[in-house]
N, C-alpha and C. Protein backbone atom coordinates (compact mmCIF):
# COMPACT_ATOMS: atom_id res chain seq x y z
N MET A 1 129.79 96.63 36.53
CA MET A 1 129.95 95.00 37.13
C MET A 1 130.22 94.34 35.88
N ASN A 2 131.34 93.41 36.34
CA ASN A 2 131.93 92.46 35.13
C ASN A 2 130.93 91.24 34.66
N ASP A 3 130.56 90.87 33.46
CA ASP A 3 130.28 89.77 33.09
C ASP A 3 130.95 88.87 33.11
N ASN A 4 130.48 87.53 32.82
CA ASN A 4 131.37 86.50 32.77
C ASN A 4 132.39 86.26 31.73
N ARG A 5 131.95 87.17 30.44
CA ARG A 5 132.78 86.81 29.31
C ARG A 5 133.96 87.76 29.58
N GLN A 6 133.87 88.82 30.40
CA GLN A 6 135.09 90.17 30.72
C GLN A 6 135.71 88.88 31.70
N ASP A 7 135.25 88.29 32.70
CA ASP A 7 135.95 87.52 33.60
C ASP A 7 137.05 86.80 33.11
N GLN A 8 136.40 85.97 31.85
CA GLN A 8 137.18 84.81 31.16
C GLN A 8 138.13 85.45 30.34
N LEU A 9 137.77 86.52 29.78
CA LEU A 9 139.26 87.15 28.81
C LEU A 9 140.04 87.85 29.94
N MET A 10 139.97 88.41 30.95
CA MET A 10 140.90 88.59 31.99
C MET A 10 141.83 87.58 32.27
N LYS A 11 141.03 86.12 32.67
CA LYS A 11 141.74 84.96 33.16
C LYS A 11 142.76 84.66 31.75
N GLN A 12 142.31 84.54 30.61
CA GLN A 12 142.92 84.26 29.60
C GLN A 12 144.25 85.01 29.41
N ILE A 13 143.68 86.40 29.55
CA ILE A 13 145.14 87.51 29.58
C ILE A 13 146.09 87.31 30.76
N ASN A 14 145.75 87.05 31.67
CA ASN A 14 146.24 86.97 33.00
C ASN A 14 147.41 85.41 32.83
N GLU A 15 147.02 84.61 32.58
CA GLU A 15 147.30 83.18 32.30
C GLU A 15 148.56 83.24 31.14
N ALA A 16 147.94 83.98 29.97
CA ALA A 16 149.14 84.11 28.86
C ALA A 16 150.23 84.82 29.39
N ASN A 17 149.77 85.97 30.22
CA ASN A 17 150.97 87.09 30.62
C ASN A 17 151.93 86.21 31.38
N PHE A 18 151.62 85.59 32.11
CA PHE A 18 152.05 84.42 33.08
C PHE A 18 153.08 83.66 32.20
N SER A 19 152.54 82.93 31.19
CA SER A 19 153.37 81.66 30.50
C SER A 19 154.39 82.66 29.62
N VAL A 20 153.81 83.63 29.08
CA VAL A 20 154.85 84.40 28.23
C VAL A 20 156.02 85.04 29.30
N ASN A 21 156.05 85.53 30.45
CA ASN A 21 157.01 85.67 31.56
C ASN A 21 157.67 84.91 31.53
N ASP A 22 157.44 83.89 31.88
CA ASP A 22 158.10 82.54 32.25
C ASP A 22 158.67 82.10 31.11
N LEU A 23 158.06 81.90 29.87
CA LEU A 23 158.96 81.64 28.63
C LEU A 23 159.97 82.43 28.55
N THR A 24 160.00 83.73 28.41
CA THR A 24 161.00 84.68 28.07
C THR A 24 161.97 84.28 29.45
N LEU A 25 161.95 84.20 30.64
CA LEU A 25 162.81 83.63 31.56
C LEU A 25 163.74 82.42 31.27
N TYR A 26 162.95 81.36 30.38
CA TYR A 26 163.58 80.11 29.88
C TYR A 26 164.35 80.76 28.81
N LEU A 27 163.62 81.19 27.96
CA LEU A 27 164.34 81.41 26.49
C LEU A 27 165.76 82.42 27.07
N ASP A 28 165.69 82.92 27.93
CA ASP A 28 167.11 83.97 28.20
C ASP A 28 168.24 82.89 28.40
N THR A 29 167.91 81.38 29.07
CA THR A 29 169.06 80.50 29.42
C THR A 29 169.01 79.40 28.48
N HIS A 30 167.99 79.43 27.26
CA HIS A 30 168.03 78.22 26.46
C HIS A 30 167.46 78.59 24.89
N PRO A 31 167.94 79.71 24.49
CA PRO A 31 167.75 80.34 23.43
C PRO A 31 167.72 79.46 22.42
N GLU A 32 168.19 78.49 22.39
CA GLU A 32 167.92 77.24 20.94
C GLU A 32 167.21 76.59 20.98
N ASP A 33 166.33 76.43 22.18
CA ASP A 33 164.96 75.56 22.22
C ASP A 33 164.04 76.11 21.37
N GLN A 34 163.76 75.29 20.34
CA GLN A 34 163.03 75.86 19.31
C GLN A 34 161.39 75.54 19.95
N ASP A 35 161.31 74.57 20.45
CA ASP A 35 159.87 74.16 20.86
C ASP A 35 159.28 75.42 21.90
N ALA A 36 160.32 75.45 22.79
CA ALA A 36 159.66 76.69 23.85
C ALA A 36 159.90 78.17 23.05
N LEU A 37 160.46 78.45 21.98
CA LEU A 37 160.37 79.59 21.19
C LEU A 37 158.79 79.33 20.17
N LYS A 38 158.46 78.20 19.72
CA LYS A 38 157.16 78.17 19.11
C LYS A 38 156.21 78.43 20.39
N LEU A 39 156.21 77.80 21.30
CA LEU A 39 155.45 78.01 22.63
C LEU A 39 155.20 79.43 22.86
N PHE A 40 156.44 80.37 23.05
CA PHE A 40 156.38 81.53 23.25
C PHE A 40 155.41 82.20 22.11
N HIS A 41 155.91 82.29 20.98
CA HIS A 41 154.95 82.62 19.91
C HIS A 41 153.47 82.60 20.02
N GLN A 42 153.06 81.13 19.93
CA GLN A 42 151.92 80.71 20.25
C GLN A 42 151.07 81.65 21.79
N THR A 43 151.56 81.53 22.53
CA THR A 43 151.04 82.01 23.68
C THR A 43 151.34 83.30 23.59
N LEU A 44 151.96 84.27 23.09
CA LEU A 44 151.86 85.60 22.81
C LEU A 44 150.75 86.05 21.72
N LYS A 45 150.73 85.03 20.76
CA LYS A 45 149.52 85.23 19.87
C LYS A 45 147.92 85.24 20.54
N GLN A 46 148.17 84.21 21.50
CA GLN A 46 147.01 84.08 22.12
C GLN A 46 146.44 85.30 22.99
N LYS A 47 147.79 85.76 23.69
CA LYS A 47 147.20 87.08 24.62
C LYS A 47 146.76 88.05 24.02
N LYS A 48 147.38 88.38 22.89
CA LYS A 48 147.46 89.60 21.94
C LYS A 48 145.78 89.56 21.50
N GLU A 49 145.28 88.33 21.01
CA GLU A 49 143.98 88.01 20.59
C GLU A 49 142.92 88.44 21.63
N ALA A 50 143.26 87.70 22.91
CA ALA A 50 142.21 87.88 23.84
C ALA A 50 142.24 89.31 24.28
N ALA A 51 143.46 89.85 24.39
CA ALA A 51 143.75 91.50 24.77
C ALA A 51 142.91 92.30 23.68
N GLN A 52 142.68 92.04 22.34
CA GLN A 52 142.11 93.00 21.32
C GLN A 52 140.64 92.64 21.40
N GLU A 53 140.24 91.33 21.63
CA GLU A 53 138.81 90.78 21.97
C GLU A 53 138.43 91.85 23.48
N TYR A 54 139.16 91.97 24.28
CA TYR A 54 138.67 92.57 25.82
C TYR A 54 138.41 94.04 25.26
N GLU A 55 139.41 94.62 24.62
CA GLU A 55 139.51 96.05 24.26
C GLU A 55 138.28 96.78 23.52
N LYS A 56 138.11 95.79 22.45
CA LYS A 56 136.70 95.84 21.70
C LYS A 56 135.42 95.59 22.39
N LEU A 57 135.41 95.06 23.34
CA LEU A 57 133.95 94.74 24.30
C LEU A 57 134.13 95.91 25.22
N TYR A 58 135.23 96.04 26.05
CA TYR A 58 135.21 96.66 27.35
C TYR A 58 136.30 97.92 27.40
N GLY A 59 136.88 98.03 26.32
CA GLY A 59 138.01 99.41 26.57
C GLY A 59 139.23 98.70 26.73
N PRO A 60 140.12 99.74 26.78
CA PRO A 60 141.65 99.22 26.52
C PRO A 60 142.21 98.89 28.38
N LEU A 61 143.16 98.23 28.25
CA LEU A 61 143.78 97.68 29.20
C LEU A 61 144.79 98.51 29.54
N GLU A 62 145.42 98.94 28.74
CA GLU A 62 146.88 99.36 29.06
C GLU A 62 147.02 100.71 27.91
N VAL A 63 147.65 101.83 28.53
CA VAL A 63 147.96 102.92 27.50
C VAL A 63 148.16 102.84 26.24
N CYS A 64 148.87 101.41 26.06
CA CYS A 64 149.65 101.48 24.88
C CYS A 64 148.55 100.69 23.95
N MET A 65 147.37 100.44 24.37
CA MET A 65 146.39 99.85 23.54
C MET A 65 145.34 100.56 23.07
N THR A 66 145.37 101.83 23.61
CA THR A 66 144.07 102.88 23.51
C THR A 66 143.94 103.43 22.04
N SER A 67 144.78 103.82 21.25
CA SER A 67 144.47 104.15 19.76
C SER A 67 144.92 103.02 18.73
N GLU A 68 145.47 101.66 19.14
CA GLU A 68 145.84 100.98 17.78
C GLU A 68 144.73 101.01 17.19
N GLY A 69 145.12 101.35 15.86
CA GLY A 69 143.95 101.12 14.64
C GLY A 69 142.99 101.98 14.62
N THR A 70 142.70 102.95 15.81
CA THR A 70 141.74 103.68 15.69
C THR A 70 141.52 104.96 15.47
N GLY A 71 143.01 105.29 15.39
CA GLY A 71 143.33 106.62 15.13
C GLY A 71 142.66 108.06 15.91
N LYS A 72 142.34 107.45 16.69
CA LYS A 72 141.84 108.53 17.73
C LYS A 72 142.04 107.92 19.32
N TRP A 73 142.13 108.96 20.14
CA TRP A 73 142.68 108.64 21.79
C TRP A 73 141.63 108.33 22.36
N THR A 74 141.50 107.04 23.14
CA THR A 74 140.19 106.54 23.76
C THR A 74 140.27 106.21 25.31
N TRP A 75 141.65 106.29 25.93
CA TRP A 75 141.74 106.01 27.08
C TRP A 75 141.05 107.28 28.16
N GLY A 76 140.91 108.49 27.92
CA GLY A 76 140.31 109.27 28.66
C GLY A 76 138.61 109.17 28.68
N SER A 77 138.27 108.41 27.33
CA SER A 77 137.06 108.45 27.18
C SER A 77 136.30 107.19 27.57
N MET A 78 136.86 106.23 28.55
CA MET A 78 136.52 105.36 29.06
C MET A 78 136.08 105.34 30.51
N PRO A 79 134.83 104.93 31.20
CA PRO A 79 134.40 104.98 32.35
C PRO A 79 136.02 104.57 33.26
N ALA A 80 135.76 105.45 34.52
CA ALA A 80 137.11 105.16 35.43
C ALA A 80 136.29 103.99 36.22
N PRO A 81 137.18 103.48 37.13
CA PRO A 81 136.57 102.27 38.23
C PRO A 81 135.70 102.63 38.74
N TRP A 82 135.55 104.01 39.24
CA TRP A 82 134.70 104.62 40.28
C TRP A 82 133.60 104.70 39.54
N GLU A 83 133.69 105.15 38.28
CA GLU A 83 132.49 105.24 37.63
C GLU A 83 131.76 103.94 37.05
N GLY A 84 132.18 102.65 37.29
CA GLY A 84 131.92 101.71 36.73
C GLY A 84 132.33 100.87 35.91
N GLY A 85 133.69 101.82 35.24
CA GLY A 85 134.59 100.91 34.54
C GLY A 85 135.48 100.17 35.06
N THR A 86 136.53 99.45 34.41
CA THR A 86 137.52 98.46 34.98
C THR A 86 138.67 99.16 34.81
N CYS A 87 139.56 98.60 35.61
CA CYS A 87 141.03 99.23 35.58
C CYS A 87 142.07 97.92 36.21
N GLN A 88 141.95 97.05 35.33
CA GLN A 88 142.70 95.78 36.21
C GLN A 88 144.24 95.62 35.63
N CYS A 89 144.84 96.23 34.88
CA CYS A 89 146.06 96.21 34.42
C CYS A 89 146.91 96.31 35.49
N GLY A 90 146.64 97.72 36.30
CA GLY A 90 147.58 98.19 37.13
C GLY A 90 148.07 99.52 36.55
N THR A 91 147.33 100.32 35.37
CA THR A 91 147.50 101.29 35.09
C THR A 91 146.67 101.99 35.11
N MET A 92 147.04 103.24 35.87
CA MET A 92 145.74 104.14 36.14
C MET A 92 145.33 105.13 34.59
N LYS A 93 144.15 105.48 34.85
CA LYS A 93 143.93 106.25 33.97
C LYS A 93 144.18 107.83 34.23
N SER A 94 144.42 108.75 33.20
CA SER A 94 144.77 110.10 33.77
C SER A 94 143.63 110.39 34.25
N GLY A 95 144.23 111.67 34.95
CA GLY A 95 143.55 112.32 36.21
C GLY A 95 143.13 111.58 37.51
N SER A 96 143.73 110.57 37.55
CA SER A 96 143.60 109.70 38.58
C SER A 96 144.87 109.76 39.79
N ASN A 97 145.68 110.59 39.40
CA ASN A 97 147.06 110.46 40.15
C ASN A 97 146.77 111.60 41.40
N THR A 98 146.88 110.85 42.60
CA THR A 98 146.76 111.74 43.77
C THR A 98 147.79 112.78 44.07
N LEU A 99 148.86 112.69 43.24
CA LEU A 99 149.60 113.80 43.82
C LEU A 99 149.61 115.16 43.58
């Protein structure tokens, strides 16, 4: 079950991801726009901070976030969605492949 903080963090992460992607497209065509570049870096920082807090409280969102700074592999140790865990990023946990 998601709590309110988990929902808030996911909303922040999703909004920041959208902005980062949008700014990336803009900067592809306007690479000299320093204001946009500054906003890109600020938004990316916000996304990383929210994702780190989410990971600390609820587990990794993506495989690439599982062992950052921990020295151990944590992806398989978190509960799968059908075990009450969450997997809202679109990346499935190992062992969930139906092939």
